Structures are given as structure tokens and as C-alpha cells.
Amino acid sequence: MFAPALLLAWLYRTFGFVGLLPGVVGLAATGAAGRRVVRRRGGHYTPAELARLDDPGLVVAAARMLRRDG
């Protein structure tokens, strides 16, 4: 949990502001790659896709399915 903050602190102490920039970009890329967004048009979802959704995603999926079914 504290590893990203420690990594950024170490980069800043070792390389200064120049070292901090790649660390921030790397952490942002890692976070973006780790988070997948499931978007399905028309309200058709597989059970695996529904299992990966978080609470707000489930709300959107349920609304799309209800809209689809009338």
C-alpha cells in the first residue's frame, strides 16, 4: 500500500524532480493497465463481465438491461 509512495520518495531523493516524472508516469500507466472497463452496447453482458464490474458499473449495466428489456 505504501510501496508507490516510497518509490516516488526514493526517486525524488535520488534523481530530484527529473526522476519523479518517470515514476509518476509509470505508476499512472500501471494503474490504467490494471483497471479494465467493461462497456457493452445494447445491454448484453456475459456472466464473467458482470462479475468484474464494480458497484457503479453494475448500476449502469442493470439500467442498460432494463432499457433493453423494456
Protein backbone atom coordinates (compact mmCIF):
# COMPACT_ATOMS: atom_id res chain seq x y z
CA MET A 1 0.00 0.00 0.00
CA PHE A 2 2.85 2.37 0.80
CA ALA A 3 5.13 0.99 -1.91
CA PRO A 4 4.16 3.56 -4.59
CA ALA A 5 4.71 6.45 -2.18
CA LEU A 6 8.05 5.03 -1.07
CA LEU A 7 9.09 4.52 -4.69
CA LEU A 8 8.25 8.12 -5.56
CA ALA A 9 10.08 9.40 -2.49
CA TRP A 10 13.17 7.35 -3.37
CA LEU A 11 13.10 8.57 -6.98
CA TYR A 12 12.78 12.17 -5.83
CA ARG A 13 15.63 11.88 -3.32
CA THR A 14 17.91 10.07 -5.74
CA PHE A 15 17.28 11.90 -9.01
CA GLY A 16 15.37 15.02 -8.00
CA PHE A 17 12.40 16.32 -9.93
CA VAL A 18 13.68 14.69 -13.15
CA GLY A 19 13.45 11.24 -11.54
CA LEU A 20 10.00 11.93 -10.16
CA LEU A 21 8.39 12.43 -13.58
CA PRO A 22 9.04 8.91 -14.95
CA GLY A 23 7.90 7.47 -11.63
CA VAL A 24 4.57 9.28 -11.79
CA VAL A 25 4.07 8.36 -15.44
CA GLY A 26 4.95 4.72 -14.71
CA LEU A 27 2.56 4.49 -11.79
CA ALA A 28 -0.23 6.07 -13.84
CA ALA A 29 0.37 3.60 -16.67
CA THR A 30 0.38 0.68 -14.25
CA GLY A 31 -2.89 1.84 -12.70
CA ALA A 32 -4.53 2.31 -16.07
CA ALA A 33 -3.42 -1.11 -17.27
CA GLY A 34 -4.65 -2.75 -14.09
CA ARG A 35 -8.12 -1.37 -14.37
CA ARG A 36 -10.32 -2.69 -17.12
CA VAL A 37 -13.53 -1.02 -18.12
CA VAL A 38 -16.28 -3.23 -19.45
CA ARG A 39 -18.66 -1.45 -21.78
CA ARG A 40 -21.19 -3.35 -23.73
CA ARG A 41 -23.62 -1.77 -26.16
CA GLY A 42 -27.23 -2.83 -26.10
CA GLY A 43 -27.21 -4.27 -22.59
CA HIS A 44 -25.82 -7.72 -23.43
CA TYR A 45 -23.24 -8.94 -20.90
CA THR A 46 -21.54 -12.26 -20.23
CA PRO A 47 -21.51 -13.58 -16.65
CA ALA A 48 -17.72 -13.02 -16.49
CA GLU A 49 -18.13 -9.38 -17.49
CA LEU A 50 -20.79 -8.83 -14.82
CA ALA A 51 -18.55 -10.45 -12.20
CA ARG A 52 -15.76 -7.94 -12.94
CA LEU A 53 -17.94 -4.83 -12.61
CA ASP A 54 -17.83 -2.63 -9.52
CA ASP A 55 -20.94 -1.14 -7.88
CA PRO A 56 -21.35 1.87 -10.23
CA GLY A 57 -20.69 -0.40 -13.21
CA LEU A 58 -23.39 -2.81 -12.07
CA VAL A 59 -25.86 0.06 -11.80
CA VAL A 60 -25.12 1.11 -15.37
CA ALA A 61 -25.34 -2.48 -16.59
CA ALA A 62 -28.68 -3.03 -14.84
CA ALA A 63 -30.05 0.19 -16.33
CA ARG A 64 -28.98 -0.88 -19.82
CA MET A 65 -30.53 -4.33 -19.39
CA LEU A 66 -33.80 -2.84 -18.12
CA ARG A 67 -33.87 -0.40 -21.01
CA ARG A 68 -33.18 -3.28 -23.41
CA ASP A 69 -35.99 -5.44 -21.98
CA GLY A 70 -38.47 -2.59 -21.73
